Protein backbone atom coordinates (compact mmCIF):
# COMPACT_ATOMS: atom_id res chain seq x y z
CA MET A 1 -12.56 9.06 9.12
CA ASP A 2 -10.89 7.21 12.02
CA LEU A 3 -7.42 7.98 11.31
CA LYS A 4 -4.75 6.00 13.42
CA ILE A 5 -0.82 5.71 13.48
CA VAL A 6 0.09 2.80 14.83
CA ASP A 7 3.25 0.46 15.02
CA GLY A 8 3.36 -2.75 14.38
CA ASP A 9 3.32 -5.39 11.24
CA LEU A 10 0.86 -4.17 8.23
CA LEU A 11 -0.04 -7.69 7.95
CA ASP A 12 -1.44 -8.24 11.48
CA GLN A 13 -3.89 -5.78 11.39
CA GLU A 14 -7.42 -6.36 12.07
CA VAL A 15 -8.80 -4.69 9.09
CA GLU A 16 -11.06 -5.42 5.92
CA VAL A 17 -8.02 -4.69 3.30
CA ILE A 18 -4.57 -3.56 3.16
CA VAL A 19 -2.25 -1.35 0.91
CA ASN A 20 0.97 -2.93 -0.60
CA PRO A 21 3.44 -0.62 -2.00
CA TRP A 22 3.85 -2.29 -5.22
CA ASN A 23 5.76 -0.61 -8.72
CA ARG A 24 4.66 0.16 -11.90
CA ASN A 25 4.15 -3.31 -12.74
CA VAL A 26 6.51 -2.94 -15.74
CA ILE A 27 8.96 -5.72 -15.09
CA PRO A 28 7.28 -9.07 -14.91
CA TRP A 29 6.39 -9.87 -10.80
CA TRP A 30 8.18 -12.96 -11.05
CA LEU A 31 11.28 -11.61 -12.14
CA LEU A 32 11.44 -9.39 -8.94
CA LEU A 33 12.52 -10.36 -5.60
CA PRO A 34 10.02 -8.58 -3.61
CA GLN A 35 11.23 -6.81 -0.46
CA GLY A 36 9.76 -5.26 2.56
CA VAL A 37 6.22 -5.22 2.68
CA SER A 38 5.74 -7.17 -0.46
CA GLY A 39 8.19 -9.70 0.37
CA ALA A 40 6.13 -10.43 3.34
CA ILE A 41 2.81 -10.51 1.74
CA LYS A 42 4.30 -12.88 -1.13
CA ARG A 43 5.50 -15.05 2.12
CA ARG A 44 2.13 -14.91 3.79
CA ALA A 45 -0.52 -14.60 1.34
CA GLY A 46 1.23 -16.81 -1.73
CA TYR A 47 1.36 -16.38 -5.12
CA SER A 48 -1.98 -15.64 -6.40
CA PRO A 49 -2.22 -11.95 -5.26
CA PHE A 50 1.19 -11.29 -7.25
CA ARG A 51 -0.23 -13.42 -10.24
CA GLU A 52 -3.43 -11.59 -10.44
CA LEU A 53 -1.51 -8.03 -10.31
CA GLY A 54 0.46 -9.21 -13.35
CA LYS A 55 -2.45 -9.59 -15.53
CA LEU A 56 -3.34 -6.26 -14.47
CA GLY A 57 -0.66 -4.65 -16.63
CA VAL A 58 1.07 -1.56 -16.16
CA ILE A 59 -0.08 1.01 -13.50
CA PRO A 60 0.76 4.48 -13.63
CA LEU A 61 2.90 6.29 -11.07
CA GLY A 62 0.36 6.79 -8.03
CA GLY A 63 -2.15 4.31 -9.35
CA ALA A 64 -3.95 1.68 -7.34
CA VAL A 65 -5.23 -1.59 -8.20
CA GLU A 66 -6.95 -4.50 -6.14
CA THR A 67 -6.55 -8.05 -5.79
CA SER A 68 -7.62 -10.73 -3.32
CA ALA A 69 -5.49 -11.33 -0.55
CA GLY A 70 -4.77 -15.08 -1.19
CA ARG A 71 -3.82 -16.68 1.78
CA LEU A 72 -3.86 -13.36 4.33
CA PRO A 73 -7.63 -12.82 6.39
CA PHE A 74 -8.44 -9.69 4.08
CA LYS A 75 -10.74 -9.02 2.13
CA ALA A 76 -8.39 -7.73 -0.50
CA ILE A 77 -5.05 -6.48 -0.87
CA ILE A 78 -4.44 -3.05 -2.80
CA HIS A 79 -1.60 -2.36 -4.62
CA VAL A 80 -0.27 1.44 -5.28
CA ALA A 81 2.61 2.49 -7.53
CA GLY A 82 4.30 4.92 -4.95
CA ILE A 83 7.91 4.09 -6.67
CA SER A 84 8.97 5.17 -9.90
CA MET A 85 10.82 3.00 -12.33
CA PHE A 86 13.98 3.87 -10.57
CA TRP A 87 12.63 3.04 -7.32
CA ILE A 88 12.32 6.48 -6.26
CA SER A 89 9.48 7.97 -4.32
CA SER A 90 8.08 11.46 -4.59
CA GLU A 91 5.48 13.72 -2.43
CA GLN A 92 3.18 13.57 -5.79
CA SER A 93 3.35 9.51 -6.13
CA ILE A 94 2.56 9.05 -2.16
CA ARG A 95 -0.20 11.65 -2.20
CA ASP A 96 -1.83 9.76 -5.10
CA SER A 97 -1.09 6.23 -4.13
CA VAL A 98 -3.14 7.41 -0.85
CA LYS A 99 -5.86 8.93 -2.64
CA ASN A 100 -6.34 6.16 -5.49
CA ALA A 101 -6.21 3.47 -2.89
CA MET A 102 -8.88 5.30 -0.88
CA ALA A 103 -11.00 5.70 -3.84
CA ILE A 104 -11.13 1.74 -4.38
CA ALA A 105 -11.93 1.28 -0.82
CA GLU A 106 -14.63 3.81 -0.77
CA THR A 107 -16.16 2.09 -4.08
CA ARG A 108 -15.81 -1.17 -3.00
CA GLY A 109 -17.52 -0.31 0.63
CA TYR A 110 -14.60 -1.49 2.63
CA ARG A 111 -14.70 0.32 6.57
CA SER A 112 -11.21 -0.58 7.19
CA ILE A 113 -8.17 -0.01 5.72
CA ALA A 114 -4.43 -0.22 6.72
CA PHE A 115 -1.61 1.62 4.76
CA PRO A 116 2.15 0.88 5.41
CA LEU A 117 4.61 3.78 4.89
CA ILE A 118 4.33 4.08 0.96
CA GLY A 119 7.33 5.47 -0.51
CA ALA A 120 9.85 4.79 2.71
CA GLY A 121 12.42 1.63 2.49
CA THR A 122 12.71 1.27 -1.05
CA GLY A 123 11.35 4.37 -2.60
CA GLY A 124 14.12 6.37 -0.25
CA GLY A 125 11.29 8.52 1.95
CA LYS A 126 11.94 9.05 5.28
CA ALA A 127 9.19 7.66 7.53
CA LYS A 128 8.28 10.97 9.64
CA LYS A 129 8.09 12.82 6.24
CA VAL A 130 5.96 10.33 4.31
CA ILE A 131 3.65 9.74 7.74
CA ALA A 132 3.07 13.73 7.51
CA MET A 133 2.13 13.73 3.54
CA MET A 134 -0.25 10.57 4.09
CA GLN A 135 -1.81 12.22 7.08
CA ASP A 136 -2.29 15.51 5.18
CA GLU A 137 -3.75 13.63 2.09
CA LEU A 138 -6.38 11.75 4.17
CA THR A 139 -7.38 14.64 5.74
CA GLY A 140 -8.85 15.89 2.32
CA ILE A 141 -10.80 12.52 1.97
CA GLU A 142 -14.22 11.99 2.96
CA PHE A 143 -14.45 8.06 4.27
CA GLU A 144 -16.42 6.45 7.14
CA GLY A 145 -14.21 3.91 8.11
CA GLU A 146 -11.04 3.26 10.31
CA VAL A 147 -7.36 4.19 8.45
CA ARG A 148 -4.44 3.06 9.77
CA ILE A 149 -1.08 4.10 8.79
CA VAL A 150 1.44 1.37 10.18
CA ARG A 151 4.65 2.32 10.69
CA TYR A 152 6.83 -0.76 11.03
CA VAL A 153 8.96 -1.40 14.00
CA GLY A 154 12.59 -0.55 12.68
CA THR A 155 11.52 1.49 10.60
CA THR A 156 13.91 4.71 10.22
CA THR A 157 12.75 8.18 11.43
């Protein structure tokens, strides 16, 4: 695995697939006002990935599902349930989200994937701690390709 930590915008990465730090899909997507990464995805991708996501039902905490990328230039979006119903992330939800997103990427044959900081922001995790957990989880995964952890400029440490 070629693991990189980069500063920038997740939606500007030159990768095949991106990860959206979503929620458990318990509340219908159209009732939510997506913030942060999800809000940026909705603005640029349009509604189609979220309509697909809504049809997939409840996602277990730490689980991952795949949808199309809408108007974005990626092959797909992998949505992970990195935060609980109380909008809080945990070490386990972050690690499981990484592991399950990577399992989809491997199964589907993607060669490059970009992650935001899962569980930071809305989930309350501190950027440095989240990066360390994600890096640690990724070191135990076999993947023949590039993995980027994208730290959005302005993310708190």
